Protein backbone atom coordinates (compact mmCIF):
# COMPACT_ATOMS: atom_id res chain seq x y z
CA UNK A 1 -0.12 -0.05 0.19
CA UNK A 2 1.12 3.23 -0.74
CA UNK A 3 3.31 5.64 1.86
CA UNK A 4 3.39 8.66 -0.20
CA UNK A 5 0.72 11.16 -2.03
CA UNK A 6 1.01 13.72 -4.43
CA UNK A 7 -1.86 15.56 -4.88
CA UNK A 8 -2.82 18.72 -6.37
CA UNK A 9 -5.69 20.98 -7.18
CA UNK A 10 -6.50 22.68 -11.07
CA UNK A 11 -8.58 26.01 -11.23
CA UNK A 12 -9.06 29.53 -11.07
CA UNK A 13 -8.46 31.52 -7.76
CA UNK A 14 -7.87 28.96 -5.10
CA UNK A 15 -4.73 30.54 -3.62
CA UNK A 16 -6.80 30.27 -0.23
CA UNK A 17 -8.35 26.63 -0.88
CA UNK A 18 -8.50 24.99 2.53
CA UNK A 19 -8.59 21.95 0.37
CA UNK A 20 -4.54 21.23 0.36
CA UNK A 21 -4.48 20.96 4.13
CA UNK A 22 -7.15 18.70 4.68
CA UNK A 23 -5.54 16.58 2.66
CA UNK A 24 -1.76 16.53 4.20
CA UNK A 25 -3.32 16.60 7.70
CA UNK A 26 -5.32 13.89 6.88
CA UNK A 27 -1.93 11.90 5.41
CA UNK A 28 -0.32 12.43 8.20
CA UNK A 29 -2.42 10.74 10.33
CA UNK A 30 -2.67 7.80 8.45
CA UNK A 31 1.46 8.40 8.19
CA UNK A 32 1.47 8.82 4.66
CA UNK A 33 3.75 11.48 3.21
CA UNK A 34 1.10 13.67 1.65
CA UNK A 35 2.35 16.51 -0.31
CA UNK A 36 -0.86 18.68 -1.72
CA UNK A 37 0.14 21.53 -4.49
CA UNK A 38 -2.41 24.07 -6.03
CA UNK A 39 -2.20 24.60 -9.68
CA UNK A 40 -3.87 28.11 -10.42
CA UNK A 41 -4.31 29.09 -13.74
CA UNK A 42 -4.83 32.73 -12.48
CA UNK A 43 -1.32 32.98 -11.80
CA UNK A 44 0.30 34.97 -14.77
CA UNK A 45 2.95 32.06 -15.44
CA UNK A 46 0.10 29.39 -15.76
CA UNK A 47 -3.09 31.50 -17.49
CA UNK A 48 -1.95 30.75 -20.91
CA UNK A 49 -1.27 26.66 -20.07
CA UNK A 50 -4.24 24.94 -21.68
CA UNK A 51 -5.74 21.99 -19.34
CA UNK A 52 -4.66 19.00 -21.64
CA UNK A 53 -0.54 20.52 -20.80
CA UNK A 54 -1.40 20.73 -16.86
CA UNK A 55 -3.24 17.12 -16.77
CA UNK A 56 -0.20 15.41 -18.89
CA UNK A 57 2.05 17.61 -16.77
CA UNK A 58 0.73 16.26 -13.42
CA UNK A 59 0.69 12.48 -14.95
CA UNK A 60 4.53 13.16 -16.34
CA UNK A 61 5.43 14.20 -12.81
CA UNK A 62 4.37 11.28 -10.88
CA UNK A 63 0.85 12.82 -9.76
CA UNK A 64 -1.14 10.30 -7.78
CA UNK A 65 -4.55 12.09 -7.96
CA UNK A 66 -5.97 16.02 -8.64
CA UNK A 67 -8.74 18.00 -7.81
CA UNK A 68 -10.70 19.97 -10.24
CA UNK A 69 -12.27 22.97 -9.88
CA UNK A 70 -13.92 25.84 -11.45
CA UNK A 71 -13.96 26.52 -14.48
CA UNK A 72 -13.15 22.95 -15.42
CA UNK A 73 -14.91 20.59 -13.94
CA UNK A 74 -16.84 19.63 -17.42
CA UNK A 75 -14.11 19.95 -19.58
CA UNK A 76 -11.25 17.62 -18.05
CA UNK A 77 -13.91 14.46 -18.92
CA UNK A 78 -13.08 14.61 -22.27
CA UNK A 79 -9.40 14.58 -21.65
CA UNK A 80 -9.88 11.60 -19.32
CA UNK A 81 -8.85 7.60 -19.92
CA UNK A 82 -12.03 6.87 -17.74
CA UNK A 83 -14.64 8.30 -16.36
CA UNK A 84 -16.93 6.85 -13.77
CA UNK A 85 -20.66 6.25 -13.90
CA UNK A 86 -22.27 8.59 -11.39
CA UNK A 87 -19.55 11.68 -12.96
CA UNK A 88 -20.45 10.48 -16.29
CA UNK A 89 -24.34 10.58 -15.49
CA UNK A 90 -23.33 14.35 -13.80
CA UNK A 91 -21.67 15.55 -16.29
CA UNK A 92 -19.13 16.65 -14.24
CA UNK A 93 -15.54 15.91 -12.54
CA UNK A 94 -13.95 16.81 -9.14
CA UNK A 95 -11.53 14.21 -8.22
CA UNK A 96 -9.17 12.57 -10.79
CA UNK A 97 -7.25 9.36 -9.47
CA UNK A 98 -3.75 8.70 -11.35
CA UNK A 99 -2.85 5.05 -11.83
CA UNK A 100 0.68 3.85 -11.43
CA UNK A 101 0.45 3.45 -15.36
CA UNK A 102 -0.60 6.89 -15.67
CA UNK A 103 -4.17 6.13 -16.14
CA UNK A 104 -6.66 8.62 -15.48
CA UNK A 105 -9.91 8.30 -13.82
CA UNK A 106 -12.32 10.67 -13.14
CA UNK A 107 -14.93 10.74 -10.20
CA UNK A 108 -17.66 13.31 -8.84
CA UNK A 109 -17.50 13.65 -4.90
CA UNK A 110 -19.27 16.86 -5.11
CA UNK A 111 -22.87 15.14 -5.22
CA UNK A 112 -22.08 13.01 -2.33
CA UNK A 113 -20.55 15.92 -0.44
CA UNK A 114 -23.57 18.16 -1.01
CA UNK A 115 -26.13 15.33 -0.20
CA UNK A 116 -24.43 14.59 3.32
CA UNK A 117 -24.11 18.01 3.97
CA UNK A 118 -27.46 19.28 3.12
CA UNK A 119 -29.07 16.43 5.82
CA UNK A 120 -26.38 17.54 8.27
CA UNK A 121 -27.47 20.82 8.57
CA UNK A 122 -31.00 20.86 6.96
CA UNK A 123 -32.04 17.82 7.47
CA UNK A 124 -36.33 18.28 8.60
CA UNK A 125 -36.32 21.19 5.94
CA UNK A 126 -38.83 21.59 3.54
CA UNK A 127 -38.21 20.72 0.00
CA UNK A 128 -41.18 20.79 -2.54
CA UNK A 129 -40.03 23.51 -3.80
CA UNK A 130 -36.35 24.72 -4.67
CA UNK A 131 -34.43 27.30 -6.95
CA UNK A 132 -30.85 26.56 -7.76
CA UNK A 133 -28.98 29.25 -9.13
CA UNK A 134 -25.85 28.15 -11.48
CA UNK A 135 -25.71 25.02 -13.94
CA UNK A 136 -22.01 24.98 -13.99
CA UNK A 137 -19.84 22.39 -13.14
CA UNK A 138 -20.68 22.03 -9.49
CA UNK A 139 -24.30 23.01 -10.18
CA UNK A 140 -25.03 19.67 -11.69
CA UNK A 141 -23.95 18.08 -9.28
CA UNK A 142 -25.94 19.76 -6.65
CA UNK A 143 -29.07 19.84 -8.93
CA UNK A 144 -28.48 16.08 -8.95
CA UNK A 145 -28.40 15.73 -5.60
CA UNK A 146 -31.10 17.83 -4.70
CA UNK A 147 -32.85 15.34 -6.76
CA UNK A 148 -31.86 12.53 -4.90
CA UNK A 149 -32.71 14.25 -1.84
CA UNK A 150 -36.64 13.93 -2.65
CA UNK A 151 -37.18 17.86 -4.50
CA UNK A 152 -40.66 17.81 -5.40
CA UNK A 153 -40.12 20.58 -7.98
CA UNK A 154 -36.32 21.82 -8.91
CA UNK A 155 -36.15 25.19 -10.62
CA UNK A 156 -32.76 26.27 -12.29
CA UNK A 157 -32.01 29.33 -13.28
CA UNK A 158 -27.96 30.16 -15.22
CA UNK A 159 -26.74 32.90 -17.00
CA UNK A 160 -26.64 30.58 -19.65
CA UNK A 161 -30.28 29.58 -20.76
CA UNK A 162 -29.12 26.70 -22.53
CA UNK A 163 -26.58 25.26 -20.13
CA UNK A 164 -30.01 25.33 -17.49
CA UNK A 165 -32.07 23.49 -19.92
CA UNK A 166 -29.79 21.19 -20.93
CA UNK A 167 -29.24 20.48 -16.89
CA UNK A 168 -32.75 20.37 -16.43
CA UNK A 169 -33.56 17.93 -19.57
CA UNK A 170 -31.35 15.08 -18.26
CA UNK A 171 -32.40 15.30 -14.84
CA UNK A 172 -36.38 14.62 -15.08
CA UNK A 173 -39.66 16.04 -15.55
CA UNK A 174 -39.55 17.43 -11.86
CA UNK A 175 -36.59 19.75 -12.96
CA UNK A 176 -37.53 22.97 -14.98
CA UNK A 177 -34.93 25.66 -16.16
CA UNK A 178 -36.25 29.27 -16.29
CA UNK A 179 -34.49 32.68 -17.05
CA UNK A 180 -32.59 34.54 -14.50
CA UNK A 181 -34.62 37.48 -15.65
CA UNK A 182 -38.04 35.38 -13.76
CA UNK A 183 -36.03 34.49 -10.59
CA UNK A 184 -38.27 37.06 -8.78
CA UNK A 185 -41.62 34.83 -8.85
CA UNK A 186 -39.60 31.64 -8.30
CA UNK A 187 -37.99 32.46 -5.29
CA UNK A 188 -40.97 34.47 -3.56
CA UNK A 189 -42.76 30.75 -3.44
CA UNK A 190 -39.67 28.47 -3.11
CA UNK A 191 -39.27 26.52 0.37
CA UNK A 192 -35.58 26.78 -0.38
CA UNK A 193 -32.96 28.55 -2.44
CA UNK A 194 -29.13 27.41 -3.25
CA UNK A 195 -26.63 29.33 -4.53
CA UNK A 196 -24.31 27.01 -6.71
CA UNK A 197 -22.20 30.27 -8.48
CA UNK A 198 -18.87 31.27 -7.14
CA UNK A 199 -20.93 34.39 -6.35
CA UNK A 200 -19.74 35.05 -2.98
CA UNK A 201 -16.28 34.23 -3.07
CA UNK A 202 -13.65 37.20 -2.60
CA UNK A 203 -13.08 36.99 -6.15
CA UNK A 204 -16.81 37.47 -7.15
CA UNK A 205 -18.28 39.25 -4.16
CA UNK A 206 -22.34 40.23 -3.81
CA UNK A 207 -25.50 37.97 -4.16
CA UNK A 208 -26.72 35.65 -6.81
CA UNK A 209 -30.05 37.53 -6.63
CA UNK A 210 -31.92 40.10 -4.84
CA UNK A 211 -32.23 38.86 -1.24
CA UNK A 212 -35.30 41.00 -0.21
CA UNK A 213 -37.45 38.37 -2.50
CA UNK A 214 -36.61 35.96 0.40
CA UNK A 215 -39.13 35.08 3.23
CA UNK A 216 -38.05 34.00 7.10
CA UNK A 217 -39.78 30.78 6.30
CA UNK A 218 -37.19 30.06 2.93
CA UNK A 219 -33.88 28.16 4.11
CA UNK A 220 -30.53 28.88 1.59
CA UNK A 221 -27.97 26.86 0.99
CA UNK A 222 -24.31 28.28 -0.64
CA UNK A 223 -21.74 25.93 -2.19
CA UNK A 224 -19.51 28.72 -1.49
CA UNK A 225 -17.10 27.86 1.64
CA UNK A 226 -14.28 30.96 1.84
CA UNK A 227 -15.63 33.28 3.38
CA UNK A 228 -17.90 30.62 5.08
CA UNK A 229 -20.64 32.96 5.58
CA UNK A 230 -20.76 34.55 2.56
CA UNK A 231 -22.92 38.39 1.67
CA UNK A 232 -25.98 35.97 0.80
CA UNK A 233 -25.52 33.88 4.08
CA UNK A 234 -25.46 36.81 5.96
CA UNK A 235 -28.48 38.71 4.39
CA UNK A 236 -30.32 35.65 4.67
CA UNK A 237 -29.47 35.23 8.43
CA UNK A 238 -30.61 38.69 9.15
CA UNK A 239 -34.28 38.30 7.79
CA UNK A 240 -34.40 35.02 9.99
CA UNK A 241 -33.93 32.31 7.44
CA UNK A 242 -32.39 28.72 7.81
CA UNK A 243 -28.96 28.79 6.07
CA UNK A 244 -26.59 26.31 5.04
CA UNK A 245 -22.84 27.19 4.05
CA UNK A 246 -20.28 25.66 1.92
CA UNK A 247 -18.49 23.81 4.38
CA UNK A 248 -20.14 20.66 4.66
CA UNK A 249 -20.15 19.97 0.80
CA UNK A 250 -16.37 21.00 1.09
CA UNK A 251 -15.45 18.53 3.87
CA UNK A 252 -17.51 15.65 2.64
CA UNK A 253 -16.18 15.83 -0.86
CA UNK A 254 -12.96 16.09 0.39
CA UNK A 255 -13.42 12.80 2.47
CA UNK A 256 -14.31 10.91 -0.27
CA UNK A 257 -11.92 12.19 -2.53
CA UNK A 258 -9.04 11.19 -0.28
CA UNK A 259 -10.10 7.82 0.29
CA UNK A 260 -10.10 7.17 -3.54
CA UNK A 261 -6.90 8.48 -3.85
CA UNK A 262 -5.45 7.16 -0.99
CA UNK A 263 -7.12 3.66 -0.59
CA UNK A 264 -7.70 4.33 3.26
CA UNK A 265 -10.76 5.62 5.37
CA UNK A 266 -10.75 8.79 6.06
CA UNK A 267 -11.65 10.28 9.68
CA UNK A 268 -14.75 12.69 9.26
CA UNK A 269 -14.01 14.09 12.72
CA UNK A 270 -10.64 15.20 12.11
CA UNK A 271 -11.14 16.49 8.47
CA UNK A 272 -13.58 19.11 9.56
CA UNK A 273 -11.49 20.07 12.71
CA UNK A 274 -8.59 20.63 10.07
CA UNK A 275 -11.06 22.58 7.59
CA UNK A 276 -12.53 24.73 10.67
CA UNK A 277 -8.87 25.65 12.23
CA UNK A 278 -8.57 28.05 9.45
CA UNK A 279 -11.83 30.53 10.65
CA UNK A 280 -14.50 31.86 8.86
């Protein structure tokens, strides 16, 4: 069994990611020498390097695995040797395992991560009508998770109407797509709203919709985890709404990814403690 791990995260604006520490600390607890590198295309030296070259370099350098984040979760699929059935159905990959022969296999741990986080934080919440904003890589995983969680009617809005329509059609008849300009009536009649866009991150400040539309009985979930309390969640809390931050999804997807990379059973409590050690 492997005694060391070389891992990385490919994405944009990821310098403050908590993922490296979670994996390195969990690896150390299993007596695995774990090195985790961020590969940020927001850095000038990497801005012009295409994804296929970044992936090939990781394979050539002997990486054991990669996490994939915005904006590459969909784009990476066609570059992999294999994609598991769940990730193929979702159409999004956030975890790539690289074997000793250099073969790459894509997985999606975002969907299970969101589902477990939701059940822990909003398990008893009404879910007859839910609005989701965002149909990109993370949004696809969240939409499939919400469907599995038994949402009665899921409404998806995205800046790309075509992307939202495609996702809705893939999931089922209980899912519909709307334009972002039609969010007001959808939100005012919803049991809950999920932000599955990067809006709220330091690089993308603000809220994805006008929070004056929220009723005190509406719950609000956010996939953003840095900061933990986004402007959206702060404004929702001020109105008395139940809220769910992105920590549950972030920690649970990392747990599943670590187990795929290492073949070891991760300790959920330990990984969450590492995550929370960064503060809010």
